[in-house]
Every structure is written in C-alpha cells, then in structure tokens.
Protein backbone atom coordinates (compact mmCIF):
# COMPACT_ATOMS: atom_id res chain seq x y z
CA MET A 1 0.00 0.00 0.00
CA ARG A 2 3.06 2.24 -0.07
CA VAL A 3 4.05 4.68 -2.77
CA PRO A 4 6.87 2.99 -4.75
CA GLY A 5 10.29 4.12 -3.55
CA THR A 6 8.97 5.62 -0.31
CA PRO A 7 8.08 4.43 3.21
CA HIS A 8 4.73 6.22 3.00
CA LEU A 9 1.15 5.07 2.55
CA ARG A 10 -0.54 5.96 -0.71
CA THR A 11 -2.88 8.93 -0.50
CA SER A 12 -5.15 7.04 -2.90
CA ILE A 13 -5.56 4.36 -0.21
CA LEU A 14 -6.98 7.01 2.11
CA ALA A 15 -9.19 8.22 -0.75
CA ALA A 16 -10.49 4.69 -1.36
CA TRP A 17 -11.21 4.19 2.34
CA ALA A 18 -12.92 7.57 2.55
CA ASP A 19 -15.07 6.74 -0.48
CA THR A 20 -16.10 3.46 1.16
CA LEU A 21 -16.84 4.93 4.59
CA THR A 22 -18.80 7.92 3.35
CA GLY A 23 -20.50 5.82 0.69
CA LEU A 24 -21.83 3.45 3.35
CA LEU A 25 -23.24 6.43 5.22
CA ALA A 26 -24.84 7.66 2.00
CA THR A 27 -26.58 4.32 1.43
CA GLN A 28 -28.43 4.77 4.72
CA VAL A 29 -30.12 7.77 3.10
CA THR A 30 -30.53 6.58 -0.49
CA THR A 31 -31.45 2.92 0.11
CA PRO A 32 -32.73 1.06 -1.83
CA ARG A 33 -31.38 3.40 -4.52
CA VAL A 34 -27.65 3.52 -5.27
CA PRO A 35 -25.55 6.58 -4.32
CA VAL A 36 -22.88 7.86 -6.70
CA THR A 37 -19.87 9.95 -5.72
CA LEU A 38 -19.75 13.53 -6.96
CA ASP A 39 -16.61 14.82 -5.28
CA LEU A 40 -13.88 13.32 -3.11
CA ASP A 41 -11.10 15.29 -1.45
CA VAL A 42 -8.25 14.17 0.83
CA GLN A 43 -5.87 16.54 2.63
CA LEU A 44 -2.90 15.24 4.64
CA TYR A 45 -1.20 16.98 7.56
CA ARG A 46 1.99 15.04 6.86
CA PRO A 47 3.12 12.03 4.82
CA ALA A 48 1.22 8.95 5.97
CA PRO A 49 3.42 6.26 7.55
CA GLY A 50 3.49 2.94 5.74
CA ASP A 51 3.67 0.96 8.98
CA GLY A 52 1.27 0.68 11.89
CA THR A 53 -2.46 1.25 11.62
CA VAL A 54 -4.69 4.04 10.38
CA GLN A 55 -8.14 4.67 11.80
CA GLY A 56 -10.87 6.46 9.90
CA THR A 57 -13.97 7.93 11.54
CA ALA A 58 -16.75 9.12 9.24
CA ARG A 59 -19.65 11.42 10.05
CA VAL A 60 -22.53 12.98 8.19
CA VAL A 61 -22.10 16.65 7.33
CA LYS A 62 -25.39 17.32 5.56
CA VAL A 63 -28.38 15.47 4.19
CA GLY A 64 -29.94 17.62 1.50
CA ARG A 65 -32.71 17.05 -1.02
CA SER A 66 -30.31 16.13 -3.78
CA VAL A 67 -26.81 15.98 -2.24
CA PHE A 68 -25.42 14.06 0.72
CA ALA A 69 -22.13 15.18 2.28
CA ALA A 70 -19.85 13.43 4.77
CA GLU A 71 -16.31 13.68 6.08
CA VAL A 72 -13.66 11.35 7.48
CA GLU A 73 -10.95 12.05 10.02
CA PHE A 74 -7.92 9.77 9.75
CA THR A 75 -5.59 9.23 12.69
CA SER A 76 -2.33 7.29 12.95
CA SER A 77 -1.65 4.38 15.31
CA GLY A 78 -0.30 6.88 17.83
CA GLY A 79 -3.58 8.79 17.78
CA GLY A 80 -2.23 11.86 15.99
CA PRO A 81 -4.24 13.50 13.19
CA LEU A 82 -3.19 12.28 9.77
CA ALA A 83 -5.70 13.48 7.18
CA ILE A 84 -9.16 14.88 6.54
CA ALA A 85 -11.39 13.72 3.70
CA ASN A 86 -14.67 15.07 2.38
CA ALA A 87 -17.09 13.53 -0.09
CA SER A 88 -20.46 14.32 -1.61
CA PHE A 89 -22.98 11.99 -3.21
CA MET A 90 -26.22 12.01 -5.14
CA THR A 91 -28.69 9.26 -5.90
CA ALA A 92 -27.96 7.52 -9.20
CA PRO A 93 -30.15 9.07 -11.93
CA ASP A 94 -31.11 5.61 -13.20
CA ALA A 95 -33.96 4.61 -10.89
CA ARG A 96 -33.57 0.99 -11.98
CA LEU A 97 -30.29 0.72 -10.09
CA ARG A 98 -30.92 -0.86 -6.72
CA LEU A 99 -28.70 -2.02 -3.89
CA PRO A 100 -28.55 -5.84 -3.78
CA PRO A 101 -30.97 -7.64 -1.44
CA GLY A 102 -29.55 -7.97 2.05
CA PHE A 103 -27.01 -5.19 1.46
CA SER A 104 -25.39 -4.23 4.75
CA VAL A 105 -24.58 -0.63 5.58
CA GLU A 106 -21.96 -1.86 8.04
CA LEU A 107 -18.29 -1.79 7.10
CA PRO A 108 -17.24 -5.22 5.75
CA ALA A 109 -15.16 -7.41 8.03
CA SER A 110 -11.40 -6.92 7.72
CA ARG A 111 -9.64 -9.09 5.20
CA GLU A 112 -6.10 -10.32 4.97
CA PRO A 113 -3.52 -7.71 3.92
CA LEU A 114 -2.90 -7.37 0.20
CA ALA A 115 -0.43 -9.96 -1.01
CA VAL A 116 0.75 -7.66 -3.81
CA PRO A 117 1.04 -3.86 -4.14
CA PHE A 118 -2.25 -1.98 -4.54
CA ALA A 119 -1.53 -0.83 -8.09
CA GLU A 120 -0.52 -4.33 -9.16
CA ARG A 121 -3.64 -5.82 -7.59
CA ALA A 122 -5.80 -3.35 -9.51
CA GLY A 123 -3.85 -3.84 -12.74
CA CYS A 124 -2.94 -0.15 -12.79
CA GLU A 125 0.21 0.62 -14.78
CA ARG A 126 2.32 3.68 -15.48
CA ARG A 127 2.80 4.12 -19.22
CA GLY A 128 5.26 6.99 -19.21
CA PRO A 129 5.73 10.39 -17.58
CA GLY A 130 2.30 11.70 -16.62
CA VAL A 131 0.34 8.72 -17.96
CA ALA A 132 -1.24 5.75 -16.17
CA VAL A 133 -3.81 3.16 -17.25
CA LEU A 134 -6.43 1.28 -15.22
CA PRO A 135 -8.38 -1.68 -16.66
CA ARG A 136 -12.02 -2.42 -15.90
CA THR A 137 -12.20 -5.56 -13.77
CA GLU A 138 -15.21 -7.28 -12.23
CA ASP A 139 -13.84 -6.97 -8.69
CA GLY A 140 -13.15 -3.27 -9.19
CA LEU A 141 -16.73 -2.19 -9.81
CA ASN A 142 -19.10 -0.29 -7.54
CA ALA A 143 -22.80 -0.86 -6.90
CA SER A 144 -23.60 0.90 -10.20
CA GLY A 145 -21.47 -1.56 -12.16
CA THR A 146 -18.91 1.10 -13.07
CA VAL A 147 -15.25 1.56 -12.08
CA ASN A 148 -14.91 2.21 -8.37
CA GLY A 149 -14.13 5.81 -7.39
CA GLY A 150 -11.29 4.72 -5.13
CA LEU A 151 -9.58 3.03 -8.08
CA LEU A 152 -9.95 6.21 -10.11
CA ALA A 153 -8.10 7.94 -7.27
CA LEU A 154 -5.33 5.35 -7.66
CA VAL A 155 -4.83 5.87 -11.40
CA ALA A 156 -4.91 9.65 -10.91
CA GLU A 157 -2.22 9.34 -8.23
CA GLU A 158 -0.08 7.10 -10.44
CA ALA A 159 -0.25 9.56 -13.33
CA ALA A 160 0.59 12.50 -11.06
CA LEU A 161 3.55 10.79 -9.41
CA SER A 162 5.00 9.08 -12.49
CA PRO A 163 7.23 12.01 -13.58
CA ALA A 164 9.11 12.12 -10.25
CA GLN A 165 10.17 9.22 -8.04
CA GLY A 166 10.09 9.36 -4.26
CA GLU A 167 7.23 11.86 -3.89
CA THR A 168 3.84 11.49 -2.22
CA LEU A 169 0.66 13.51 -2.45
CA CYS A 170 -0.35 15.89 0.31
CA SER A 171 -3.58 16.70 -1.51
CA LEU A 172 -5.84 14.73 -3.83
CA GLY A 173 -9.17 16.11 -5.02
CA LEU A 174 -11.41 14.38 -7.53
CA ARG A 175 -14.52 15.55 -9.34
CA TYR A 176 -16.46 12.70 -10.89
CA LEU A 177 -18.12 13.85 -14.11
CA GLN A 178 -19.34 10.64 -15.70
CA PRO A 179 -19.11 6.95 -14.75
CA ALA A 180 -16.26 4.97 -16.28
CA ARG A 181 -18.28 2.13 -17.77
CA VAL A 182 -16.02 0.37 -20.28
CA GLY A 183 -12.35 1.06 -19.63
CA PRO A 184 -9.46 1.03 -19.68
CA VAL A 185 -9.30 4.38 -17.91
CA ILE A 186 -6.40 6.51 -19.13
CA ALA A 187 -5.13 9.20 -16.75
CA THR A 188 -3.01 12.04 -18.11
CA ALA A 189 -1.33 14.46 -15.72
CA VAL A 190 0.25 17.87 -16.21
CA ARG A 191 2.38 19.12 -13.31
CA ARG A 192 4.10 22.35 -12.40
CA ASP A 193 5.80 23.23 -9.11
CA GLY A 194 4.21 20.28 -7.36
CA LEU A 195 0.66 21.12 -8.45
CA GLY A 196 -0.96 18.75 -10.91
CA ARG A 197 -4.11 18.44 -12.99
CA VAL A 198 -5.16 14.98 -14.12
CA GLU A 199 -7.75 14.05 -16.73
CA LEU A 200 -9.26 10.56 -16.56
CA ARG A 201 -10.91 9.30 -19.73
CA ASP A 202 -12.86 6.14 -20.46
CA SER A 203 -10.95 5.01 -23.54
CA GLY A 204 -13.44 2.26 -24.38
CA ASN A 205 -16.34 4.69 -24.33
CA GLY A 206 -15.18 7.20 -26.90
CA GLY A 207 -12.56 8.70 -24.61
CA ARG A 208 -15.22 10.46 -22.58
CA LEU A 209 -13.98 12.54 -19.66
CA SER A 210 -14.90 10.65 -16.49
CA CYS A 211 -13.06 12.58 -13.82
CA ILE A 212 -10.79 15.54 -13.19
CA ALA A 213 -8.30 15.41 -10.33
CA VAL A 214 -6.13 18.07 -8.76
CA THR A 215 -3.04 16.94 -6.88
CA ARG A 216 -0.23 18.48 -4.89
CA THR A 217 2.94 16.84 -3.61
CA PHE A 218 4.67 17.51 -0.32
CA GLN A 219 7.34 20.18 -0.70
CA GLY A 220 10.85 18.81 -0.57
CA GLY A 221 9.70 15.29 -1.39
CA SER A 222 8.04 12.91 1.03
CA GLY A 223 9.93 13.98 4.10
C-alpha cells in the first residue's frame, strides 16, 4: 500500500477508504437506490506512515434534497491527526439501479492484507511520464457496475507521481463527471511546481472525460 520508492502510505488508499466509509453512510439515506460519488477530497497533515495502523472515523455533514455530504478524520496508530477527507454523493439518476438484497450498511469485516502492491492488484500501470492506465475488472466495480471511485483515485495518483520518483501527495481532489463504464481508464497528468491536474478518460467509451483530479505533492519530497 506504499508509494513505490517511499516508506509512506498511498494517498489514494486514504481516498479509497474515505469513499467506502462515506458511501456506506450515503446508502443509509438513499437505500434502496444507489448513491454515486460527486466529489472526493483528501488533505494530509503530513506524509502517511506505511507501517502501523490508520483509523478512519466518518460522520454525516449534511443530508440535502439532492446531495449528501460526509467527512472522514484519519488518525495514525499513535492517535495523531493524519488526514481529513470530504465527499459528496447524489442518488444515481437511473432509478432501476438498486442495492442488492440484504445489502449491509456496516463496514465489511477486515480481510487479509494485500499480497501484492495496490496498483498491481488493480492492474494499474504507469505508461510513461504523466500517464497511467487502469483496466475495468469485475472486482473493481461499484454498486452501479462502473469503475470504483477509489480506483480512479489510484490511477490519478499514479499519473501525477509518475514524472518524479520518491514523492507522495499531500492533496488529492477528484470531481467525478461521468461513470467509467467500459475502460481502460487513461489518466493524463500535467504538473508544475508540485501542483498537478489529471484528466481521466474512459478510452473504451469514446474517450469520454470521467473525472478531473487536482493533486499536490509535499514540498521537498516525502519527508
């Protein structure tokens, strides 16, 4: 779960966890309809340690007529603040989409640690400076049957970090514009002075723009 070449946890891991935690809260409001992520933002106080444990506590910020908002506070194993994440959701426009029968709004039981790096497990690959590719896989889909928002955070992170080794993200913000239905998702990043803009396109669906991400790396590397 570490950024290659560093001792630090991937920021996209925190994004994926935040998407899961806040998404489960959203289902309590939208059920039996499916919620879809509109925005996801993670801000770190410091580089996240790759060892020990991280605890995330999610809470509802607002339940509106059309938008649900929640936030997550991440703390390290020592109890110190690590990161803050915010996410917003809406109910999927397609009323035919329903949560599966018996769907639990509780966080799934912990599984064994990943046997391979996160990017390798997801099939996400760097294809050159500023470019990363993520395939569509059955175990990487959300309740809408489209590519999981946490995995889109991963491919955005990979594209943003590919030009420079040994860096980690202190900020990762994603705006989901359209579901990635077909794949592969191609992420293209442009960076300047540590600030990056990443476009994520669904290459199998006419190259439609699925997501825009804004990233920033820690100054002076990962620390």
